[in-house]
Structure formats: structure tokens, C-alpha cells
């Protein structure tokens, strides 16, 4: 399952409260986030996501959980989505947006290292 871990002083509650819908075209893909839903115990949020690659349009949920002094970002297991190059790039794009909102967050473990721009740091 594609995932990125961000380490640092940020919680899902803070992320949910600062969430702003966003969209961006990167190369041949379009990425969009439209809404954030906070679980009652505030341990997790779900983010509505859209990735368009050519003729393939995928709408799915991204799960963001509090995890050991940071956040874990991954596809929500209950939503069917093809794990295309664009979807993997989207997870990294979303992690970078969170880092921009909270500069104290640093990239932790991930299985998407190939999609991280080395010029931006890991």
C-alpha cells in the first residue's frame, strides 16, 4: 500500500482544522482534494481525493492517522483505486502540502521514495 510518514509536531486535528481544498496540474496528471473528515476521537482524518491521468479519472479517500509523533498518509483501504503512477505521485504531493503547512514536519519512512524529488529533501 503506498504510504508516506511525516514526523514532527502536527496532529490530525490540527491538519483537519487547517485543511483547504486544493488542485494542481502536474505534467499529465491533475490532483485535487475537496474535503476533510475528522473521526470522532480525532485520531484519523479522511480526505476526498481526485486524480486524473489522461482518460483515467479516480476518486478515492486518503487516510491520515496520528502515528508515533507524526502522521501516516496512505490510501484508505475500503476504497477501490488503481495504484497508478499518478496516485502514488498524489500521495507524495499531499505529504508535501502538509509539510508546507507545517514546516516542522519531515519525511519519515515511505515506500514512495522513487517519487520524492531529491532537491526538496527527504
PDB file of N, CA and C in Angstrom:
ATOM      1  N   UNK A   1       0.861  -1.182   0.000  1.00  0.00           N
ATOM      2  CA  UNK A   1       0.000   0.000   0.000  1.00  0.00           C
ATOM      3  C   UNK A   1       0.901   1.237   0.000  1.00  0.00           C
ATOM      4  N   UNK A   2       0.721   2.148  -0.943  1.00  0.00           N
ATOM      5  CA  UNK A   2       1.540   3.372  -0.964  1.00  0.00           C
ATOM      6  C   UNK A   2       1.316   4.202   0.295  1.00  0.00           C
ATOM      7  N   UNK A   3       2.416   4.660   0.900  1.00  0.00           N
ATOM      8  CA  UNK A   3       2.289   5.471   2.105  1.00  0.00           C
ATOM      9  C   UNK A   3       3.498   6.382   2.284  1.00  0.00           C
ATOM     10  N   UNK A   4       3.270   7.444   3.052  1.00  0.00           N
ATOM     11  CA  UNK A   4       4.332   8.364   3.462  1.00  0.00           C
ATOM     12  C   UNK A   4       4.105   8.656   4.941  1.00  0.00           C
ATOM     13  N   UNK A   5       5.186   8.637   5.694  1.00  0.00           N
ATOM     14  CA  UNK A   5       5.119   9.009   7.094  1.00  0.00           C
ATOM     15  C   UNK A   5       5.792  10.367   7.253  1.00  0.00           C
ATOM     16  N   UNK A   6       5.122  11.270   7.955  1.00  0.00           N
ATOM     17  CA  UNK A   6       5.705  12.575   8.270  1.00  0.00           C
ATOM     18  C   UNK A   6       5.943  12.622   9.769  1.00  0.00           C
ATOM     19  N   UNK A   7       7.129  13.013  10.160  1.00  0.00           N
ATOM     20  CA  UNK A   7       7.492  13.111  11.582  1.00  0.00           C
ATOM     21  C   UNK A   7       7.501  14.572  11.992  1.00  0.00           C
ATOM     22  N   UNK A   8       6.978  14.842  13.180  1.00  0.00           N
ATOM     23  CA  UNK A   8       7.019  16.207  13.676  1.00  0.00           C
ATOM     24  C   UNK A   8       5.781  16.569  14.461  1.00  0.00           C
ATOM     25  N   UNK A   9       5.764  17.804  14.960  1.00  0.00           N
ATOM     26  CA  UNK A   9       4.702  18.262  15.871  1.00  0.00           C
ATOM     27  C   UNK A   9       3.438  18.694  15.137  1.00  0.00           C
ATOM     28  N   UNK A  10       2.661  17.732  14.687  1.00  0.00           N
ATOM     29  CA  UNK A  10       1.421  18.047  13.985  1.00  0.00           C
ATOM     30  C   UNK A  10       0.460  16.901  14.241  1.00  0.00           C
ATOM     31  N   UNK A  11      -0.807  17.191  14.389  1.00  0.00           N
ATOM     32  CA  UNK A  11      -1.808  16.162  14.652  1.00  0.00           C
ATOM     33  C   UNK A  11      -2.872  16.172  13.572  1.00  0.00           C
ATOM     34  N   UNK A  12      -3.644  15.104  13.529  1.00  0.00           N
ATOM     35  CA  UNK A  12      -4.737  15.060  12.558  1.00  0.00           C
ATOM     36  C   UNK A  12      -5.761  16.155  12.838  1.00  0.00           C
ATOM     37  N   UNK A  13      -5.995  16.463  14.111  1.00  0.00           N
ATOM     38  CA  UNK A  13      -6.940  17.545  14.435  1.00  0.00           C
ATOM     39  C   UNK A  13      -6.456  18.871  13.852  1.00  0.00           C
ATOM     40  N   UNK A  14      -5.178  19.186  14.044  1.00  0.00           N
ATOM     41  CA  UNK A  14      -4.621  20.434  13.503  1.00  0.00           C
ATOM     42  C   UNK A  14      -4.680  20.431  11.981  1.00  0.00           C
ATOM     43  N   UNK A  15      -4.403  19.289  11.381  1.00  0.00           N
ATOM     44  CA  UNK A  15      -4.452  19.185   9.925  1.00  0.00           C
ATOM     45  C   UNK A  15      -5.871  19.418   9.415  1.00  0.00           C
ATOM     46  N   UNK A  16      -6.839  18.793  10.073  1.00  0.00           N
ATOM     47  CA  UNK A  16      -8.239  18.962   9.684  1.00  0.00           C
ATOM     48  C   UNK A  16      -8.677  20.427   9.807  1.00  0.00           C
ATOM     49  N   UNK A  17      -8.292  21.067  10.899  1.00  0.00           N
ATOM     50  CA  UNK A  17      -8.692  22.460  11.123  1.00  0.00           C
ATOM     51  C   UNK A  17      -8.051  23.415  10.131  1.00  0.00           C
ATOM     52  N   UNK A  18      -6.880  23.070   9.608  1.00  0.00           N
ATOM     53  CA  UNK A  18      -6.198  23.954   8.654  1.00  0.00           C
ATOM     54  C   UNK A  18      -6.419  23.527   7.200  1.00  0.00           C
ATOM     55  N   UNK A  19      -7.207  22.476   6.977  1.00  0.00           N
ATOM     56  CA  UNK A  19      -7.399  21.935   5.632  1.00  0.00           C
ATOM     57  C   UNK A  19      -8.039  22.960   4.700  1.00  0.00           C
ATOM     58  N   UNK A  20      -7.466  23.087   3.520  1.00  0.00           N
ATOM     59  CA  UNK A  20      -8.034  23.917   2.450  1.00  0.00           C
ATOM     60  C   UNK A  20      -8.084  23.066   1.189  1.00  0.00           C
ATOM     61  N   UNK A  21      -9.223  23.016   0.493  1.00  0.00           N
ATOM     62  CA  UNK A  21      -9.262  22.292  -0.776  1.00  0.00           C
ATOM     63  C   UNK A  21      -8.196  22.842  -1.725  1.00  0.00           C
ATOM     64  N   UNK A  22      -7.656  21.964  -2.562  1.00  0.00           N
ATOM     65  CA  UNK A  22      -6.595  22.376  -3.477  1.00  0.00           C
ATOM     66  C   UNK A  22      -6.660  21.557  -4.752  1.00  0.00           C
ATOM     67  N   UNK A  23      -6.131  22.116  -5.811  1.00  0.00           N
ATOM     68  CA  UNK A  23      -5.981  21.365  -7.058  1.00  0.00           C
ATOM     69  C   UNK A  23      -4.741  21.868  -7.782  1.00  0.00           C
ATOM     70  N   UNK A  24      -4.142  20.964  -8.545  1.00  0.00           N
ATOM     71  CA  UNK A  24      -2.922  21.316  -9.270  1.00  0.00           C
ATOM     72  C   UNK A  24      -2.734  20.348 -10.428  1.00  0.00           C
ATOM     73  N   UNK A  25      -2.246  20.881 -11.535  1.00  0.00           N
ATOM     74  CA  UNK A  25      -1.860  20.038 -12.674  1.00  0.00           C
ATOM     75  C   UNK A  25      -0.354  19.855 -12.603  1.00  0.00           C
ATOM     76  N   UNK A  26       0.075  18.601 -12.602  1.00  0.00           N
ATOM     77  CA  UNK A  26       1.497  18.274 -12.610  1.00  0.00           C
ATOM     78  C   UNK A  26       1.755  17.343 -13.784  1.00  0.00           C
ATOM     79  N   UNK A  27       2.364  17.885 -14.816  1.00  0.00           N
ATOM     80  CA  UNK A  27       2.601  17.084 -16.019  1.00  0.00           C
ATOM     81  C   UNK A  27       1.286  16.672 -16.637  1.00  0.00           C
ATOM     82  N   UNK A  28       1.103  15.369 -16.830  1.00  0.00           N
ATOM     83  CA  UNK A  28      -0.114  14.859 -17.460  1.00  0.00           C
ATOM     84  C   UNK A  28      -1.203  14.510 -16.451  1.00  0.00           C
ATOM     85  N   UNK A  29      -1.005  14.827 -15.182  1.00  0.00           N
ATOM     86  CA  UNK A  29      -1.977  14.463 -14.140  1.00  0.00           C
ATOM     87  C   UNK A  29      -2.574  15.711 -13.484  1.00  0.00           C
ATOM     88  N   UNK A  30      -3.802  15.562 -13.030  1.00  0.00           N
ATOM     89  CA  UNK A  30      -4.469  16.601 -12.249  1.00  0.00           C
ATOM     90  C   UNK A  30      -4.752  16.005 -10.874  1.00  0.00           C
ATOM     91  N   UNK A  31      -4.377  16.741  -9.821  1.00  0.00           N
ATOM     92  CA  UNK A  31      -4.604  16.324  -8.445  1.00  0.00           C
ATOM     93  C   UNK A  31      -5.574  17.299  -7.793  1.00  0.00           C
ATOM     94  N   UNK A  32      -6.493  16.755  -6.991  1.00  0.00           N
ATOM     95  CA  UNK A  32      -7.448  17.624  -6.315  1.00  0.00           C
ATOM     96  C   UNK A  32      -7.840  17.015  -4.974  1.00  0.00           C
ATOM     97  N   UNK A  33      -7.938  17.878  -3.958  1.00  0.00           N
ATOM     98  CA  UNK A  33      -8.527  17.499  -2.671  1.00  0.00           C
ATOM     99  C   UNK A  33      -9.726  18.401  -2.457  1.00  0.00           C
ATOM    100  N   UNK A  34     -10.811  17.834  -1.924  1.00  0.00           N
ATOM    101  CA  UNK A  34     -12.018  18.653  -1.811  1.00  0.00           C
ATOM    102  C   UNK A  34     -12.589  18.751  -0.408  1.00  0.00           C
ATOM    103  N   UNK A  35     -12.356  17.764   0.448  1.00  0.00           N
ATOM    104  CA  UNK A  35     -12.939  17.809   1.786  1.00  0.00           C
ATOM    105  C   UNK A  35     -12.124  16.960   2.748  1.00  0.00           C
ATOM    106  N   UNK A  36     -12.269  17.276   4.026  1.00  0.00           N
ATOM    107  CA  UNK A  36     -11.584  16.554   5.096  1.00  0.00           C
ATOM    108  C   UNK A  36     -12.612  16.177   6.152  1.00  0.00           C
ATOM    109  N   UNK A  37     -12.543  14.931   6.646  1.00  0.00           N
ATOM    110  CA  UNK A  37     -13.483  14.451   7.653  1.00  0.00           C
ATOM    111  C   UNK A  37     -12.696  13.932   8.851  1.00  0.00           C
ATOM    112  N   UNK A  38     -12.972  14.477  10.015  1.00  0.00           N
ATOM    113  CA  UNK A  38     -12.273  14.102  11.242  1.00  0.00           C
ATOM    114  C   UNK A  38     -13.058  13.021  11.985  1.00  0.00           C
ATOM    115  N   UNK A  39     -12.377  11.935  12.337  1.00  0.00           N
ATOM    116  CA  UNK A  39     -13.013  10.886  13.136  1.00  0.00           C
ATOM    117  C   UNK A  39     -13.319  11.431  14.528  1.00  0.00           C
ATOM    118  N   UNK A  40     -14.358  10.912  15.150  1.00  0.00           N
ATOM    119  CA  UNK A  40     -14.837  11.437  16.436  1.00  0.00           C
ATOM    120  C   UNK A  40     -13.740  11.501  17.493  1.00  0.00           C
ATOM    121  N   UNK A  41     -12.844  10.516  17.538  1.00  0.00           N
ATOM    122  CA  UNK A  41     -11.773  10.525  18.537  1.00  0.00           C
ATOM    123  C   UNK A  41     -10.543  11.316  18.068  1.00  0.00           C
ATOM    124  N   UNK A  42     -10.632  11.921  16.886  1.00  0.00           N
ATOM    125  CA  UNK A  42      -9.599  12.790  16.314  1.00  0.00           C
ATOM    126  C   UNK A  42      -8.285  12.072  16.018  1.00  0.00           C
ATOM    127  N   UNK A  43      -8.300  10.752  15.945  1.00  0.00           N
ATOM    128  CA  UNK A  43      -7.075  10.002  15.664  1.00  0.00           C
ATOM    129  C   UNK A  43      -6.831   9.828  14.170  1.00  0.00           C
ATOM    130  N   UNK A  44      -7.810  10.218  13.354  1.00  0.00           N
ATOM    131  CA  UNK A  44      -7.701   9.971  11.910  1.00  0.00           C
ATOM    132  C   UNK A  44      -8.582  10.947  11.148  1.00  0.00           C
ATOM    133  N   UNK A  45      -8.137  11.317   9.956  1.00  0.00           N
ATOM    134  CA  UNK A  45      -8.996  12.060   9.038  1.00  0.00           C
ATOM    135  C   UNK A  45      -9.028  11.336   7.705  1.00  0.00           C
ATOM    136  N   UNK A  46     -10.095  11.541   6.975  1.00  0.00           N
ATOM    137  CA  UNK A  46     -10.211  11.066   5.605  1.00  0.00           C
ATOM    138  C   UNK A  46     -10.282  12.295   4.713  1.00  0.00           C
ATOM    139  N   UNK A  47      -9.572  12.231   3.605  1.00  0.00           N
ATOM    140  CA  UNK A  47      -9.547  13.343   2.654  1.00  0.00           C
ATOM    141  C   UNK A  47     -10.077  12.849   1.321  1.00  0.00           C
ATOM    142  N   UNK A  48     -11.073  13.559   0.778  1.00  0.00           N
ATOM    143  CA  UNK A  48     -11.592  13.237  -0.549  1.00  0.00           C
ATOM    144  C   UNK A  48     -10.561  13.640  -1.584  1.00  0.00           C
ATOM    145  N   UNK A  49     -10.242  12.723  -2.484  1.00  0.00           N
ATOM    146  CA  UNK A  49      -9.198  12.966  -3.472  1.00  0.00           C
ATOM    147  C   UNK A  49      -9.686  12.630  -4.878  1.00  0.00           C
ATOM    148  N   UNK A  50      -9.094  13.308  -5.851  1.00  0.00           N
ATOM    149  CA  UNK A  50      -9.348  13.057  -7.263  1.00  0.00           C
ATOM    150  C   UNK A  50      -8.011  13.101  -7.981  1.00  0.00           C
ATOM    151  N   UNK A  51      -7.754  12.083  -8.794  1.00  0.00           N
ATOM    152  CA  UNK A  51      -6.576  12.063  -9.656  1.00  0.00           C
ATOM    153  C   UNK A  51      -7.060  11.754 -11.066  1.00  0.00           C
ATOM    154  N   UNK A  52      -6.669  12.604 -12.006  1.00  0.00           N
ATOM    155  CA  UNK A  52      -6.998  12.384 -13.417  1.00  0.00           C
ATOM    156  C   UNK A  52      -5.686  12.215 -14.162  1.00  0.00           C
ATOM    157  N   UNK A  53      -5.566  11.078 -14.856  1.00  0.00           N
ATOM    158  CA  UNK A  53      -4.403  10.788 -15.695  1.00  0.00           C
ATOM    159  C   UNK A  53      -4.923  10.422 -17.071  1.00  0.00           C
ATOM    160  N   UNK A  54      -4.749  11.311 -18.026  1.00  0.00           N
ATOM    161  CA  UNK A  54      -5.285  11.045 -19.361  1.00  0.00           C
ATOM    162  C   UNK A  54      -6.787  10.846 -19.285  1.00  0.00           C
ATOM    163  N   UNK A  55      -7.241   9.641 -19.696  1.00  0.00           N
ATOM    164  CA  UNK A  55      -8.671   9.332 -19.678  1.00  0.00           C
ATOM    165  C   UNK A  55      -9.110   8.644 -18.388  1.00  0.00           C
ATOM    166  N   UNK A  56      -8.170   8.364 -17.496  1.00  0.00           N
ATOM    167  CA  UNK A  56      -8.497   7.679 -16.242  1.00  0.00           C
ATOM    168  C   UNK A  56      -8.761   8.701 -15.137  1.00  0.00           C
ATOM    169  N   UNK A  57      -9.979   8.672 -14.618  1.00  0.00           N
ATOM    170  CA  UNK A  57     -10.378   9.561 -13.523  1.00  0.00           C
ATOM    171  C   UNK A  57     -10.692   8.685 -12.315  1.00  0.00           C
ATOM    172  N   UNK A  58      -9.991   8.943 -11.198  1.00  0.00           N
ATOM    173  CA  UNK A  58     -10.195   8.144  -9.995  1.00  0.00           C
ATOM    174  C   UNK A  58     -10.529   9.044  -8.807  1.00  0.00           C
ATOM    175  N   UNK A  59     -11.620   8.724  -8.146  1.00  0.00           N
ATOM    176  CA  UNK A  59     -11.998   9.416  -6.917  1.00  0.00           C
ATOM    177  C   UNK A  59     -11.866   8.414  -5.785  1.00  0.00           C
ATOM    178  N   UNK A  60     -11.221   8.825  -4.705  1.00  0.00           N
ATOM    179  CA  UNK A  60     -10.947   7.905  -3.606  1.00  0.00           C
ATOM    180  C   UNK A  60     -10.717   8.694  -2.324  1.00  0.00           C
ATOM    181  N   UNK A  61     -10.501   7.984  -1.232  1.00  0.00           N
ATOM    182  CA  UNK A  61     -10.224   8.605   0.059  1.00  0.00           C
ATOM    183  C   UNK A  61      -8.785   8.312   0.470  1.00  0.00           C
ATOM    184  N   UNK A  62      -8.168   9.307   1.091  1.00  0.00           N
ATOM    185  CA  UNK A  62      -6.844   9.154   1.666  1.00  0.00           C
ATOM    186  C   UNK A  62      -7.005   9.182   3.180  1.00  0.00           C
ATOM    187  N   UNK A  63      -6.371   8.247   3.843  1.00  0.00           N
ATOM    188  CA  UNK A  63      -6.414   8.146   5.298  1.00  0.00           C
ATOM    189  C   UNK A  63      -5.158   8.797   5.872  1.00  0.00           C
ATOM    190  N   UNK A  64      -5.342   9.664   6.851  1.00  0.00           N
ATOM    191  CA  UNK A  64      -4.223  10.292   7.558  1.00  0.00           C
ATOM    192  C   UNK A  64      -4.432   9.993   9.038  1.00  0.00           C
ATOM    193  N   UNK A  65      -3.457   9.277   9.632  1.00  0.00           N
ATOM    194  CA  UNK A  65      -3.576   8.870  11.035  1.00  0.00           C
ATOM    195  C   UNK A  65      -2.434   9.441  11.858  1.00  0.00           C
ATOM    196  N   UNK A  66      -2.717   9.743  13.122  1.00  0.00           N
ATOM    197  CA  UNK A  66      -1.648  10.054  14.070  1.00  0.00           C
ATOM    198  C   UNK A  66      -0.832   8.780  14.243  1.00  0.00           C
ATOM    199  N   UNK A  67       0.505   8.940  14.243  1.00  0.00           N
ATOM    200  CA  UNK A  67       1.352   7.764  14.400  1.00  0.00           C
ATOM    201  C   UNK A  67       2.697   8.146  15.003  1.00  0.00           C
ATOM    202  N   UNK A  68       2.953   7.713  16.199  1.00  0.00           N
ATOM    203  CA  UNK A  68       4.261   7.849  16.849  1.00  0.00           C
ATOM    204  C   UNK A  68       4.938   9.199  16.607  1.00  0.00           C
ATOM    205  N   UNK A  69       4.312  10.283  17.031  1.00  0.00           N
ATOM    206  CA  UNK A  69       4.919  11.596  16.892  1.00  0.00           C
ATOM    207  C   UNK A  69       4.905  12.131  15.477  1.00  0.00           C
ATOM    208  N   UNK A  70       3.915  11.736  14.708  1.00  0.00           N
ATOM    209  CA  UNK A  70       3.816  12.221  13.335  1.00  0.00           C
ATOM    210  C   UNK A  70       2.513  11.787  12.702  1.00  0.00           C
ATOM    211  N   UNK A  71       2.529  11.717  11.381  1.00  0.00           N
ATOM    212  CA  UNK A  71       1.336  11.368  10.616  1.00  0.00           C
ATOM    213  C   UNK A  71       1.668  10.264   9.620  1.00  0.00           C
ATOM    214  N   UNK A  72       0.727   9.361   9.390  1.00  0.00           N
ATOM    215  CA  UNK A  72       0.845   8.348   8.357  1.00  0.00           C
ATOM    216  C   UNK A  72      -0.201   8.652   7.292  1.00  0.00           C
ATOM    217  N   UNK A  73       0.242   8.794   6.057  1.00  0.00           N
ATOM    218  CA  UNK A  73      -0.647   9.120   4.933  1.00  0.00           C
ATOM    219  C   UNK A  73      -0.675   7.913   4.008  1.00  0.00           C
ATOM    220  N   UNK A  74      -1.872   7.398   3.724  1.00  0.00           N
ATOM    221  CA  UNK A  74      -1.989   6.239   2.848  1.00  0.00           C
ATOM    222  C   UNK A  74      -3.376   6.200   2.224  1.00  0.00           C
ATOM    223  N   UNK A  75      -3.569   5.331   1.257  1.00  0.00           N
ATOM    224  CA  UNK A  75      -4.879   5.139   0.662  1.00  0.00           C
ATOM    225  C   UNK A  75      -5.789   4.485   1.697  1.00  0.00           C
ATOM    226  N   UNK A  76      -7.030   4.919   1.751  1.00  0.00           N
ATOM    227  CA  UNK A  76      -7.997   4.302   2.655  1.00  0.00           C
ATOM    228  C   UNK A  76      -8.329   2.926   2.097  1.00  0.00           C
ATOM    229  N   UNK A  77      -8.118   1.861   2.881  1.00  0.00           N
ATOM    230  CA  UNK A  77      -8.260   0.502   2.355  1.00  0.00           C
ATOM    231  C   UNK A  77      -9.647   0.154   1.811  1.00  0.00           C
ATOM    232  N   UNK A  78     -10.690   0.802   2.281  1.00  0.00           N
ATOM    233  CA  UNK A  78     -12.051   0.450   1.865  1.00  0.00           C
ATOM    234  C   UNK A  78     -12.467   1.058   0.530  1.00  0.00           C
ATOM    235  N   UNK A  79     -11.628   1.910  -0.062  1.00  0.00           N
ATOM    236  CA  UNK A  79     -11.999   2.491  -1.354  1.00  0.00           C
ATOM    237  C   UNK A  79     -11.162   1.863  -2.454  1.00  0.00           C
ATOM    238  N   UNK A  80     -11.824   1.347  -3.482  1.00  0.00           N
ATOM    239  CA  UNK A  80     -11.077   0.734  -4.585  1.00  0.00           C
ATOM    240  C   UNK A  80     -10.407   1.808  -5.444  1.00  0.00           C
ATOM    241  N   UNK A  81      -9.121   1.644  -5.682  1.00  0.00           N
ATOM    242  CA  UNK A  81      -8.387   2.593  -6.516  1.00  0.00           C
ATOM    243  C   UNK A  81      -7.230   1.849  -7.161  1.00  0.00           C
ATOM    244  N   UNK A  82      -7.006   2.129  -8.424  1.00  0.00           N
ATOM    245  CA  UNK A  82      -5.837   1.567  -9.098  1.00  0.00           C
ATOM    246  C   UNK A  82      -4.611   2.329  -8.615  1.00  0.00           C
ATOM    247  N   UNK A  83      -3.597   1.622  -8.224  1.00  0.00           N
ATOM    248  CA  UNK A  83      -2.387   2.263  -7.695  1.00  0.00           C
ATOM    249  C   UNK A  83      -1.456   2.649  -8.840  1.00  0.00           C
ATOM    250  N   UNK A  84      -1.909   3.625  -9.610  1.00  0.00           N
ATOM    251  CA  UNK A  84      -1.172   4.092 -10.781  1.00  0.00           C
ATOM    252  C   UNK A  84      -0.030   5.013 -10.365  1.00  0.00           C
ATOM    253  N   UNK A  85       0.805   5.370 -11.333  1.00  0.00           N
ATOM    254  CA  UNK A  85       1.887   6.326 -11.075  1.00  0.00           C
ATOM    255  C   UNK A  85       1.316   7.637 -10.536  1.00  0.00           C
ATOM    256  N   UNK A  86       0.208   8.084 -11.110  1.00  0.00           N
ATOM    257  CA  UNK A  86      -0.407   9.336 -10.671  1.00  0.00           C
ATOM    258  C   UNK A  86      -0.901   9.278  -9.235  1.00  0.00           C
ATOM    259  N   UNK A  87      -1.482   8.163  -8.837  1.00  0.00           N
ATOM    260  CA  UNK A  87      -1.968   8.016  -7.459  1.00  0.00           C
ATOM    261  C   UNK A  87      -0.783   8.024  -6.493  1.00  0.00           C
ATOM    262  N   UNK A  88       0.298   7.361  -6.849  1.00  0.00           N
ATOM    263  CA  UNK A  88       1.491   7.360  -5.997  1.00  0.00           C
ATOM    264  C   UNK A  88       2.078   8.772  -5.899  1.00  0.00           C
ATOM    265  N   UNK A  89       2.144   9.482  -7.029  1.00  0.00           N
ATOM    266  CA  UNK A  89       2.630  10.862  -7.016  1.00  0.00           C
ATOM    267  C   UNK A  89       1.709  11.750  -6.181  1.00  0.00           C
ATOM    268  N   UNK A  90       0.404  11.467  -6.214  1.00  0.00           N
ATOM    269  CA  UNK A  90      -0.562  12.242  -5.426  1.00  0.00           C
ATOM    270  C   UNK A  90      -0.274  12.131  -3.936  1.00  0.00           C
ATOM    271  N   UNK A  91       0.012  10.927  -3.444  1.00  0.00           N
ATOM    272  CA  UNK A  91       0.300  10.739  -2.015  1.00  0.00           C
ATOM    273  C   UNK A  91       1.496  11.603  -1.608  1.00  0.00           C
ATOM    274  N   UNK A  92       2.538  11.630  -2.437  1.00  0.00           N
ATOM    275  CA  UNK A  92       3.714  12.460  -2.147  1.00  0.00           C
ATOM    276  C   UNK A  92       3.340  13.939  -2.230  1.00  0.00           C
ATOM    277  N   UNK A  93       2.549  14.324  -3.232  1.00  0.00           N
ATOM    278  CA  UNK A  93       2.098  15.716  -3.382  1.00  0.00           C
ATOM    279  C   UNK A  93       1.341  16.165  -2.130  1.00  0.00           C
ATOM    280  N   UNK A  94       0.469  15.299  -1.620  1.00  0.00           N
ATOM    281  CA  UNK A  94      -0.300  15.626  -0.425  1.00  0.00           C
ATOM    282  C   UNK A  94       0.625  15.779   0.787  1.00  0.00           C
ATOM    283  N   UNK A  95       1.578  14.888   0.923  1.00  0.00           N
ATOM    284  CA  UNK A  95       2.547  14.989   2.021  1.00  0.00           C
ATOM    285  C   UNK A  95       3.311  16.306   1.936  1.00  0.00           C
ATOM    286  N   UNK A  96       3.700  16.721   0.737  1.00  0.00           N
ATOM    287  CA  UNK A  96       4.414  17.992   0.563  1.00  0.00           C
ATOM    288  C   UNK A  96       3.536  19.184   0.928  1.00  0.00           C
ATOM    289  N   UNK A  97       2.246  19.095   0.644  1.00  0.00           N
ATOM    290  CA  UNK A  97       1.323  20.170   1.035  1.00  0.00           C
ATOM    291  C   UNK A  97       1.249  20.272   2.561  1.00  0.00           C
ATOM    292  N   UNK A  98       1.215  19.134   3.237  1.00  0.00           N
ATOM    293  CA  UNK A  98       1.191  19.138   4.700  1.00  0.00           C
ATOM    294  C   UNK A  98       2.485  19.730   5.247  1.00  0.00           C
ATOM    295  N   UNK A  99       3.616  19.400   4.625  1.00  0.00           N
ATOM    296  CA  UNK A  99       4.896  19.961   5.057  1.00  0.00           C
ATOM    297  C   UNK A  99       4.911  21.475   4.872  1.00  0.00           C
ATOM    298  N   UNK A 100       4.333  21.957   3.791  1.00  0.00           N
ATOM    299  CA  UNK A 100       4.281  23.400   3.550  1.00  0.00           C
ATOM    300  C   UNK A 100       3.437  24.097   4.623  1.00  0.00           C
ATOM    301  N   UNK A 101       2.379  23.422   5.091  1.00  0.00           N
ATOM    302  CA  UNK A 101       1.508  23.994   6.119  1.00  0.00           C
ATOM    303  C   UNK A 101       2.159  23.950   7.502  1.00  0.00           C
ATOM    304  N   UNK A 102       3.075  23.033   7.700  1.00  0.00           N
ATOM    305  CA  UNK A 102       3.751  22.886   8.989  1.00  0.00           C
ATOM    306  C   UNK A 102       5.223  22.558   8.734  1.00  0.00           C
ATOM    307  N   UNK A 103       6.068  23.581   8.609  1.00  0.00           N
ATOM    308  CA  UNK A 103       7.470  23.377   8.252  1.00  0.00           C
ATOM    309  C   UNK A 103       8.251  22.441   9.180  1.00  0.00           C
ATOM    310  N   UNK A 104       7.749  22.151  10.372  1.00  0.00           N
ATOM    311  CA  UNK A 104       8.432  21.241  11.281  1.00  0.00           C
ATOM    312  C   UNK A 104       8.302  19.776  10.894  1.00  0.00           C
ATOM    313  N   UNK A 105       7.430  19.464   9.941  1.00  0.00           N
ATOM    314  CA  UNK A 105       7.252  18.082   9.511  1.00  0.00           C
ATOM    315  C   UNK A 105       8.369  17.674   8.558  1.00  0.00           C
ATOM    316  N   UNK A 106       8.941  16.501   8.792  1.00  0.00           N
ATOM    317  CA  UNK A 106       9.973  15.963   7.903  1.00  0.00           C
ATOM    318  C   UNK A 106       9.544  14.585   7.415  1.00  0.00           C
ATOM    319  N   UNK A 107      10.015  14.235   6.236  1.00  0.00           N
ATOM    320  CA  UNK A 107       9.671  12.962   5.636  1.00  0.00           C
ATOM    321  C   UNK A 107      10.270  11.829   6.461  1.00  0.00           C
ATOM    322  N   UNK A 108       9.433  10.853   6.793  1.00  0.00           N
ATOM    323  CA  UNK A 108       9.879   9.662   7.514  1.00  0.00           C
ATOM    324  C   UNK A 108       9.944   8.488   6.560  1.00  0.00           C
ATOM    325  N   UNK A 109       9.499   7.341   7.013  1.00  0.00           N
ATOM    326  CA  UNK A 109       9.535   6.159   6.172  1.00  0.00           C
ATOM    327  C   UNK A 109       8.476   6.246   5.076  1.00  0.00           C
ATOM    328  N   UNK A 110       8.797   5.653   3.943  1.00  0.00           N
ATOM    329  CA  UNK A 110       7.878   5.637   2.806  1.00  0.00           C
ATOM    330  C   UNK A 110       8.273   4.522   1.856  1.00  0.00           C
ATOM    331  N   UNK A 111       7.313   4.041   1.109  1.00  0.00           N
ATOM    332  CA  UNK A 111       7.626   3.122   0.018  1.00  0.00           C
ATOM    333  C   UNK A 111       7.478   3.847  -1.321  1.00  0.00           C
ATOM    334  N   UNK A 112       7.476   5.174  -1.272  1.00  0.00           N
ATOM    335  CA  UNK A 112       7.345   6.004  -2.471  1.00  0.00           C
ATOM    336  C   UNK A 112       8.595   6.849  -2.706  1.00  0.00           C
ATOM    337  N   UNK A 113       9.733   6.389  -2.243  1.00  0.00           N
ATOM    338  CA  UNK A 113      10.980   7.147  -2.353  1.00  0.00           C
ATOM    339  C   UNK A 113      11.278   7.554  -3.795  1.00  0.00           C
ATOM    340  N   UNK A 114      10.931   6.707  -4.743  1.00  0.00           N
ATOM    341  CA  UNK A 114      11.196   6.994  -6.156  1.00  0.00           C
ATOM    342  C   UNK A 114      10.414   8.211  -6.657  1.00  0.00           C
ATOM    343  N   UNK A 115       9.366   8.616  -5.930  1.00  0.00           N
ATOM    344  CA  UNK A 115       8.524   9.742  -6.353  1.00  0.00           C
ATOM    345  C   UNK A 115       8.850  11.037  -5.612  1.00  0.00           C
ATOM    346  N   UNK A 116       9.837  10.973  -4.728  1.00  0.00           N
ATOM    347  CA  UNK A 116      10.214  12.149  -3.952  1.00  0.00           C
ATOM    348  C   UNK A 116      11.342  12.860  -4.664  1.00  0.00           C
ATOM    349  N   UNK A 117      11.154  14.155  -4.909  1.00  0.00           N
ATOM    350  CA  UNK A 117      12.164  14.973  -5.582  1.00  0.00           C
ATOM    351  C   UNK A 117      13.332  15.166  -4.634  1.00  0.00           C
ATOM    352  N   UNK A 118      14.517  14.653  -4.985  1.00  0.00           N
ATOM    353  CA  UNK A 118      15.647  14.768  -4.060  1.00  0.00           C
ATOM    354  C   UNK A 118      16.078  16.211  -3.802  1.00  0.00           C
ATOM    355  N   UNK A 119      15.754  17.128  -4.680  1.00  0.00           N
ATOM    356  CA  UNK A 119      16.115  18.546  -4.486  1.00  0.00           C
ATOM    357  C   UNK A 119      15.332  19.166  -3.338  1.00  0.00           C
ATOM    358  N   UNK A 120      14.199  18.546  -2.957  1.00  0.00           N
ATOM    359  CA  UNK A 120      13.374  19.091  -1.884  1.00  0.00           C
ATOM    360  C   UNK A 120      13.691  18.451  -0.545  1.00  0.00           C
ATOM    361  N   UNK A 121      14.543  17.477  -0.532  1.00  0.00           N
ATOM    362  CA  UNK A 121      14.920  16.836   0.733  1.00  0.00           C
ATOM    363  C   UNK A 121      13.997  15.700   1.077  1.00  0.00           C
ATOM    364  N   UNK A 122      14.497  14.787   1.877  1.00  0.00           N
ATOM    365  CA  UNK A 122      13.687  13.625   2.245  1.00  0.00           C
ATOM    366  C   UNK A 122      13.360  13.630   3.709  1.00  0.00           C
TER     367      UNK A 122
END
